[in-house]
PDB file of N, CA and C in Angstrom:
ATOM      1  N   MET A   1     -58.526  -2.205 -26.161  1.00  0.00           N
ATOM      2  CA  MET A   1     -57.145  -2.663 -26.077  1.00  0.00           C
ATOM      3  C   MET A   1     -56.221  -1.456 -26.007  1.00  0.00           C
ATOM      4  N   THR A   2     -55.238  -1.532 -25.139  1.00  0.00           N
ATOM      5  CA  THR A   2     -54.301  -0.428 -24.990  1.00  0.00           C
ATOM      6  C   THR A   2     -53.024  -0.695 -25.786  1.00  0.00           C
ATOM      7  N   THR A   3     -52.447   0.372 -26.287  1.00  0.00           N
ATOM      8  CA  THR A   3     -51.189   0.229 -27.019  1.00  0.00           C
ATOM      9  C   THR A   3     -50.037   0.847 -26.232  1.00  0.00           C
ATOM     10  N   GLU A   4     -50.296   1.111 -24.951  1.00  0.00           N
ATOM     11  CA  GLU A   4     -49.275   1.692 -24.100  1.00  0.00           C
ATOM     12  C   GLU A   4     -48.091   0.730 -23.977  1.00  0.00           C
ATOM     13  N   THR A   5     -46.876   1.277 -24.109  1.00  0.00           N
ATOM     14  CA  THR A   5     -45.685   0.444 -24.010  1.00  0.00           C
ATOM     15  C   THR A   5     -44.990   0.676 -22.677  1.00  0.00           C
ATOM     16  N   PRO A   6     -44.264  -0.313 -22.190  1.00  0.00           N
ATOM     17  CA  PRO A   6     -43.569  -0.168 -20.914  1.00  0.00           C
ATOM     18  C   PRO A   6     -42.506   0.939 -20.981  1.00  0.00           C
ATOM     19  N   GLN A   7     -42.411   1.699 -19.915  1.00  0.00           N
ATOM     20  CA  GLN A   7     -41.345   2.703 -19.763  1.00  0.00           C
ATOM     21  C   GLN A   7     -40.394   2.139 -18.706  1.00  0.00           C
ATOM     22  N   TRP A   8     -39.334   1.506 -19.148  1.00  0.00           N
ATOM     23  CA  TRP A   8     -38.435   0.760 -18.288  1.00  0.00           C
ATOM     24  C   TRP A   8     -37.528   1.663 -17.479  1.00  0.00           C
ATOM     25  N   PHE A   9     -37.250   1.261 -16.229  1.00  0.00           N
ATOM     26  CA  PHE A   9     -36.245   1.942 -15.421  1.00  0.00           C
ATOM     27  C   PHE A   9     -35.655   0.954 -14.406  1.00  0.00           C
ATOM     28  N   THR A  10     -34.471   1.288 -13.928  1.00  0.00           N
ATOM     29  CA  THR A  10     -33.829   0.529 -12.865  1.00  0.00           C
ATOM     30  C   THR A  10     -33.746   1.415 -11.631  1.00  0.00           C
ATOM     31  N   SER A  11     -33.592   0.803 -10.502  1.00  0.00           N
ATOM     32  CA  SER A  11     -33.469   1.528  -9.248  1.00  0.00           C
ATOM     33  C   SER A  11     -32.204   2.395  -9.246  1.00  0.00           C
ATOM     34  N   SER A  12     -32.274   3.493  -8.533  1.00  0.00           N
ATOM     35  CA  SER A  12     -31.077   4.322  -8.383  1.00  0.00           C
ATOM     36  C   SER A  12     -30.016   3.627  -7.553  1.00  0.00           C
ATOM     37  N   TYR A  13     -30.357   2.518  -6.891  1.00  0.00           N
ATOM     38  CA  TYR A  13     -29.412   1.730  -6.116  1.00  0.00           C
ATOM     39  C   TYR A  13     -28.718   0.657  -6.969  1.00  0.00           C
ATOM     40  N   SER A  14     -29.026   0.622  -8.247  1.00  0.00           N
ATOM     41  CA  SER A  14     -28.554  -0.463  -9.114  1.00  0.00           C
ATOM     42  C   SER A  14     -27.213  -0.179  -9.755  1.00  0.00           C
ATOM     43  N   GLU A  15     -26.231   0.052  -8.980  1.00  0.00           N
ATOM     44  CA  GLU A  15     -24.881   0.272  -9.518  1.00  0.00           C
ATOM     45  C   GLU A  15     -23.985  -0.862  -9.059  1.00  0.00           C
ATOM     46  N   ASN A  16     -24.414  -2.107  -9.333  1.00  0.00           N
ATOM     47  CA  ASN A  16     -23.691  -3.278  -8.841  1.00  0.00           C
ATOM     48  C   ASN A  16     -23.113  -4.125  -9.960  1.00  0.00           C
ATOM     49  N   GLY A  17     -22.750  -3.516 -11.057  1.00  0.00           N
ATOM     50  CA  GLY A  17     -22.109  -4.252 -12.137  1.00  0.00           C
ATOM     51  C   GLY A  17     -23.079  -4.911 -13.102  1.00  0.00           C
ATOM     52  N   GLY A  18     -24.297  -4.442 -13.180  1.00  0.00           N
ATOM     53  CA  GLY A  18     -25.219  -4.958 -14.181  1.00  0.00           C
ATOM     54  C   GLY A  18     -26.131  -6.085 -13.741  1.00  0.00           C
ATOM     55  N   GLN A  19     -26.110  -6.444 -12.477  1.00  0.00           N
ATOM     56  CA  GLN A  19     -26.983  -7.507 -11.979  1.00  0.00           C
ATOM     57  C   GLN A  19     -28.296  -6.884 -11.517  1.00  0.00           C
ATOM     58  N   CYS A  20     -29.056  -6.336 -12.457  1.00  0.00           N
ATOM     59  CA  CYS A  20     -30.232  -5.556 -12.112  1.00  0.00           C
ATOM     60  C   CYS A  20     -31.493  -6.062 -12.814  1.00  0.00           C
ATOM     61  N   LEU A  21     -32.601  -5.632 -12.265  1.00  0.00           N
ATOM     62  CA  LEU A  21     -33.888  -5.815 -12.908  1.00  0.00           C
ATOM     63  C   LEU A  21     -34.376  -4.454 -13.363  1.00  0.00           C
ATOM     64  N   GLU A  22     -35.180  -4.465 -14.413  1.00  0.00           N
ATOM     65  CA  GLU A  22     -35.855  -3.241 -14.850  1.00  0.00           C
ATOM     66  C   GLU A  22     -37.348  -3.482 -14.639  1.00  0.00           C
ATOM     67  N   VAL A  23     -38.039  -2.424 -14.253  1.00  0.00           N
ATOM     68  CA  VAL A  23     -39.489  -2.508 -14.081  1.00  0.00           C
ATOM     69  C   VAL A  23     -40.153  -1.380 -14.876  1.00  0.00           C
ATOM     70  N   ALA A  24     -41.435  -1.572 -15.150  1.00  0.00           N
ATOM     71  CA  ALA A  24     -42.202  -0.559 -15.862  1.00  0.00           C
ATOM     72  C   ALA A  24     -43.512  -0.335 -15.107  1.00  0.00           C
ATOM     73  N   THR A  25     -43.487   0.618 -14.165  1.00  0.00           N
ATOM     74  CA  THR A  25     -44.653   0.869 -13.331  1.00  0.00           C
ATOM     75  C   THR A  25     -45.751   1.665 -14.042  1.00  0.00           C
ATOM     76  N   ASN A  26     -45.478   2.131 -15.236  1.00  0.00           N
ATOM     77  CA  ASN A  26     -46.480   2.938 -15.945  1.00  0.00           C
ATOM     78  C   ASN A  26     -47.678   2.122 -16.421  1.00  0.00           C
ATOM     79  N   LEU A  27     -47.623   0.796 -16.327  1.00  0.00           N
ATOM     80  CA  LEU A  27     -48.736  -0.025 -16.801  1.00  0.00           C
ATOM     81  C   LEU A  27     -49.683  -0.467 -15.684  1.00  0.00           C
ATOM     82  N   VAL A  28     -49.454  -0.004 -14.465  1.00  0.00           N
ATOM     83  CA  VAL A  28     -50.316  -0.397 -13.343  1.00  0.00           C
ATOM     84  C   VAL A  28     -51.755   0.067 -13.581  1.00  0.00           C
ATOM     85  N   ALA A  29     -51.946   1.316 -13.923  1.00  0.00           N
ATOM     86  CA  ALA A  29     -53.299   1.860 -14.077  1.00  0.00           C
ATOM     87  C   ALA A  29     -54.059   1.229 -15.249  1.00  0.00           C
ATOM     88  N   SER A  30     -53.382   1.051 -16.369  1.00  0.00           N
ATOM     89  CA  SER A  30     -54.078   0.558 -17.570  1.00  0.00           C
ATOM     90  C   SER A  30     -54.204  -0.955 -17.620  1.00  0.00           C
ATOM     91  N   ARG A  31     -53.225  -1.682 -17.068  1.00  0.00           N
ATOM     92  CA  ARG A  31     -53.228  -3.140 -17.194  1.00  0.00           C
ATOM     93  C   ARG A  31     -53.216  -3.880 -15.855  1.00  0.00           C
ATOM     94  N   GLY A  32     -52.896  -3.172 -14.771  1.00  0.00           N
ATOM     95  CA  GLY A  32     -52.860  -3.802 -13.467  1.00  0.00           C
ATOM     96  C   GLY A  32     -51.645  -4.679 -13.252  1.00  0.00           C
ATOM     97  N   VAL A  33     -50.600  -4.473 -14.048  1.00  0.00           N
ATOM     98  CA  VAL A  33     -49.378  -5.290 -13.928  1.00  0.00           C
ATOM     99  C   VAL A  33     -48.143  -4.410 -13.861  1.00  0.00           C
ATOM    100  N   VAL A  34     -47.069  -5.018 -13.322  1.00  0.00           N
ATOM    101  CA  VAL A  34     -45.750  -4.386 -13.339  1.00  0.00           C
ATOM    102  C   VAL A  34     -44.831  -5.346 -14.087  1.00  0.00           C
ATOM    103  N   PRO A  35     -44.496  -5.038 -15.335  1.00  0.00           N
ATOM    104  CA  PRO A  35     -43.558  -5.863 -16.082  1.00  0.00           C
ATOM    105  C   PRO A  35     -42.148  -5.777 -15.483  1.00  0.00           C
ATOM    106  N   VAL A  36     -41.453  -6.911 -15.445  1.00  0.00           N
ATOM    107  CA  VAL A  36     -40.099  -6.989 -14.905  1.00  0.00           C
ATOM    108  C   VAL A  36     -39.239  -7.738 -15.926  1.00  0.00           C
ATOM    109  N   ARG A  37     -38.009  -7.263 -16.145  1.00  0.00           N
ATOM    110  CA  ARG A  37     -37.100  -7.946 -17.056  1.00  0.00           C
ATOM    111  C   ARG A  37     -35.668  -7.812 -16.566  1.00  0.00           C
ATOM    112  N   ASP A  38     -34.789  -8.620 -17.108  1.00  0.00           N
ATOM    113  CA  ASP A  38     -33.363  -8.598 -16.796  1.00  0.00           C
ATOM    114  C   ASP A  38     -32.720  -7.444 -17.557  1.00  0.00           C
ATOM    115  N   SER A  39     -32.041  -6.574 -16.862  1.00  0.00           N
ATOM    116  CA  SER A  39     -31.442  -5.414 -17.507  1.00  0.00           C
ATOM    117  C   SER A  39     -30.348  -5.782 -18.488  1.00  0.00           C
ATOM    118  N   LYS A  40     -29.736  -6.961 -18.321  1.00  0.00           N
ATOM    119  CA  LYS A  40     -28.679  -7.394 -19.245  1.00  0.00           C
ATOM    120  C   LYS A  40     -29.245  -7.969 -20.530  1.00  0.00           C
ATOM    121  N   ASN A  41     -30.530  -8.268 -20.558  1.00  0.00           N
ATOM    122  CA  ASN A  41     -31.160  -8.874 -21.726  1.00  0.00           C
ATOM    123  C   ASN A  41     -32.499  -8.183 -22.012  1.00  0.00           C
ATOM    124  N   PRO A  42     -32.460  -6.918 -22.430  1.00  0.00           N
ATOM    125  CA  PRO A  42     -33.707  -6.163 -22.609  1.00  0.00           C
ATOM    126  C   PRO A  42     -34.643  -6.709 -23.690  1.00  0.00           C
ATOM    127  N   SER A  43     -34.128  -7.518 -24.583  1.00  0.00           N
ATOM    128  CA  SER A  43     -35.013  -8.108 -25.599  1.00  0.00           C
ATOM    129  C   SER A  43     -35.473  -9.508 -25.192  1.00  0.00           C
ATOM    130  N   GLY A  44     -35.086  -9.941 -23.991  1.00  0.00           N
ATOM    131  CA  GLY A  44     -35.471 -11.258 -23.483  1.00  0.00           C
ATOM    132  C   GLY A  44     -36.871 -11.271 -22.911  1.00  0.00           C
ATOM    133  N   PRO A  45     -37.177 -12.327 -22.156  1.00  0.00           N
ATOM    134  CA  PRO A  45     -38.525 -12.483 -21.619  1.00  0.00           C
ATOM    135  C   PRO A  45     -38.870 -11.422 -20.577  1.00  0.00           C
ATOM    136  N   VAL A  46     -40.161 -11.175 -20.456  1.00  0.00           N
ATOM    137  CA  VAL A  46     -40.716 -10.207 -19.499  1.00  0.00           C
ATOM    138  C   VAL A  46     -41.688 -10.950 -18.609  1.00  0.00           C
ATOM    139  N   LEU A  47     -41.593 -10.713 -17.327  1.00  0.00           N
ATOM    140  CA  LEU A  47     -42.530 -11.296 -16.364  1.00  0.00           C
ATOM    141  C   LEU A  47     -43.499 -10.208 -15.954  1.00  0.00           C
ATOM    142  N   ASP A  48     -44.793 -10.410 -16.222  1.00  0.00           N
ATOM    143  CA  ASP A  48     -45.819  -9.454 -15.830  1.00  0.00           C
ATOM    144  C   ASP A  48     -46.365  -9.856 -14.466  1.00  0.00           C
ATOM    145  N   LEU A  49     -46.007  -9.085 -13.439  1.00  0.00           N
ATOM    146  CA  LEU A  49     -46.461  -9.360 -12.084  1.00  0.00           C
ATOM    147  C   LEU A  49     -47.718  -8.553 -11.787  1.00  0.00           C
ATOM    148  N   PRO A  50     -48.721  -9.163 -11.145  1.00  0.00           N
ATOM    149  CA  PRO A  50     -49.872  -8.377 -10.707  1.00  0.00           C
ATOM    150  C   PRO A  50     -49.396  -7.250  -9.799  1.00  0.00           C
ATOM    151  N   ALA A  51     -49.988  -6.091  -9.916  1.00  0.00           N
ATOM    152  CA  ALA A  51     -49.542  -4.911  -9.169  1.00  0.00           C
ATOM    153  C   ALA A  51     -49.499  -5.171  -7.671  1.00  0.00           C
ATOM    154  N   GLY A  52     -50.491  -5.857  -7.126  1.00  0.00           N
ATOM    155  CA  GLY A  52     -50.518  -6.154  -5.705  1.00  0.00           C
ATOM    156  C   GLY A  52     -49.374  -7.051  -5.275  1.00  0.00           C
ATOM    157  N   ALA A  53     -49.045  -8.039  -6.092  1.00  0.00           N
ATOM    158  CA  ALA A  53     -47.942  -8.947  -5.779  1.00  0.00           C
ATOM    159  C   ALA A  53     -46.617  -8.196  -5.809  1.00  0.00           C
ATOM    160  N   PHE A  54     -46.424  -7.306  -6.787  1.00  0.00           N
ATOM    161  CA  PHE A  54     -45.192  -6.528  -6.868  1.00  0.00           C
ATOM    162  C   PHE A  54     -45.074  -5.608  -5.650  1.00  0.00           C
ATOM    163  N   SER A  55     -46.163  -4.993  -5.264  1.00  0.00           N
ATOM    164  CA  SER A  55     -46.165  -4.113  -4.099  1.00  0.00           C
ATOM    165  C   SER A  55     -45.797  -4.885  -2.838  1.00  0.00           C
ATOM    166  N   SER A  56     -46.363  -6.067  -2.668  1.00  0.00           N
ATOM    167  CA  SER A  56     -46.024  -6.895  -1.514  1.00  0.00           C
ATOM    168  C   SER A  56     -44.547  -7.283  -1.508  1.00  0.00           C
ATOM    169  N   PHE A  57     -44.022  -7.600  -2.687  1.00  0.00           N
ATOM    170  CA  PHE A  57     -42.608  -7.933  -2.821  1.00  0.00           C
ATOM    171  C   PHE A  57     -41.729  -6.757  -2.382  1.00  0.00           C
ATOM    172  N   VAL A  58     -42.041  -5.556  -2.844  1.00  0.00           N
ATOM    173  CA  VAL A  58     -41.262  -4.373  -2.508  1.00  0.00           C
ATOM    174  C   VAL A  58     -41.302  -4.127  -1.003  1.00  0.00           C
ATOM    175  N   VAL A  59     -42.465  -4.249  -0.386  1.00  0.00           N
ATOM    176  CA  VAL A  59     -42.582  -4.068   1.062  1.00  0.00           C
ATOM    177  C   VAL A  59     -41.724  -5.100   1.790  1.00  0.00           C
ATOM    178  N   SER A  60     -41.754  -6.326   1.323  1.00  0.00           N
ATOM    179  CA  SER A  60     -40.953  -7.389   1.947  1.00  0.00           C
ATOM    180  C   SER A  60     -39.457  -7.102   1.857  1.00  0.00           C
ATOM    181  N   VAL A  61     -39.031  -6.595   0.702  1.00  0.00           N
ATOM    182  CA  VAL A  61     -37.615  -6.248   0.535  1.00  0.00           C
ATOM    183  C   VAL A  61     -37.232  -5.105   1.476  1.00  0.00           C
ATOM    184  N   ARG A  62     -38.077  -4.085   1.515  1.00  0.00           N
ATOM    185  CA  ARG A  62     -37.774  -2.916   2.341  1.00  0.00           C
ATOM    186  C   ARG A  62     -37.733  -3.237   3.829  1.00  0.00           C
ATOM    187  N   THR A  63     -38.525  -4.186   4.271  1.00  0.00           N
ATOM    188  CA  THR A  63     -38.583  -4.535   5.690  1.00  0.00           C
ATOM    189  C   THR A  63     -37.604  -5.647   6.060  1.00  0.00           C
ATOM    190  N   GLY A  64     -36.793  -6.084   5.095  1.00  0.00           N
ATOM    191  CA  GLY A  64     -35.757  -7.070   5.383  1.00  0.00           C
ATOM    192  C   GLY A  64     -36.222  -8.504   5.384  1.00  0.00           C
ATOM    193  N   ARG A  65     -37.389  -8.772   4.892  1.00  0.00           N
ATOM    194  CA  ARG A  65     -37.943 -10.137   4.899  1.00  0.00           C
ATOM    195  C   ARG A  65     -37.033 -11.127   4.189  1.00  0.00           C
ATOM    196  N   PHE A  66     -36.299 -10.697   3.190  1.00  0.00           N
ATOM    197  CA  PHE A  66     -35.461 -11.591   2.409  1.00  0.00           C
ATOM    198  C   PHE A  66     -33.994 -11.530   2.801  1.00  0.00           C
ATOM    199  N   ASP A  67     -33.643 -10.803   3.848  1.00  0.00           N
ATOM    200  CA  ASP A  67     -32.262 -10.761   4.303  1.00  0.00           C
ATOM    201  C   ASP A  67     -31.850 -12.154   4.715  1.00  0.00           C
ATOM    202  N   THR A  68     -30.698 -12.596   4.290  1.00  0.00           N
ATOM    203  CA  THR A  68     -30.273 -13.969   4.550  1.00  0.00           C
ATOM    204  C   THR A  68     -30.034 -14.260   6.023  1.00  0.00           C
ATOM    205  N   ASP A  69     -29.724 -13.256   6.802  1.00  0.00           N
ATOM    206  CA  ASP A  69     -29.466 -13.496   8.219  1.00  0.00           C
ATOM    207  C   ASP A  69     -30.736 -13.495   9.052  1.00  0.00           C
ATOM    208  N   THR A  70     -31.887 -13.060   8.467  1.00  0.00           N
ATOM    209  CA  THR A  70     -33.128 -13.009   9.238  1.00  0.00           C
ATOM    210  C   THR A  70     -34.267 -13.800   8.612  1.00  0.00           C
ATOM    211  N   ALA A  71     -34.073 -14.312   7.403  1.00  0.00           N
ATOM    212  CA  ALA A  71     -35.158 -15.009   6.701  1.00  0.00           C
ATOM    213  C   ALA A  71     -35.514 -16.305   7.403  1.00  0.00           C
ATOM    214  N   ALA A  72     -36.812 -16.575   7.491  1.00  0.00           N
ATOM    215  CA  ALA A  72     -37.280 -17.835   8.085  1.00  0.00           C
ATOM    216  C   ALA A  72     -36.994 -18.969   7.144  1.00  0.00           C
ATOM    217  N   VAL A  73     -36.611 -20.069   7.699  1.00  0.00           N
ATOM    218  CA  VAL A  73     -36.284 -21.262   6.882  1.00  0.00           C
ATOM    219  C   VAL A  73     -37.466 -22.195   6.866  1.00  0.00           C
TER     220      VAL A  73
END
């Protein structure tokens, strides 16, 4: 069992008035997950995403898959 704790950070693009997520990528190697939480509620719930799913999500965001003007309905 690992006792490693999440090392939370937000994107350098997250200067939008606090509507941010925090992620902890330091747990990918030991647990295979990327914890995600609401930056406004750091003691609130945490969603542990499988590393592959988080990676796919990031690729989709970067390629514009979720842009409202191009997203498939």
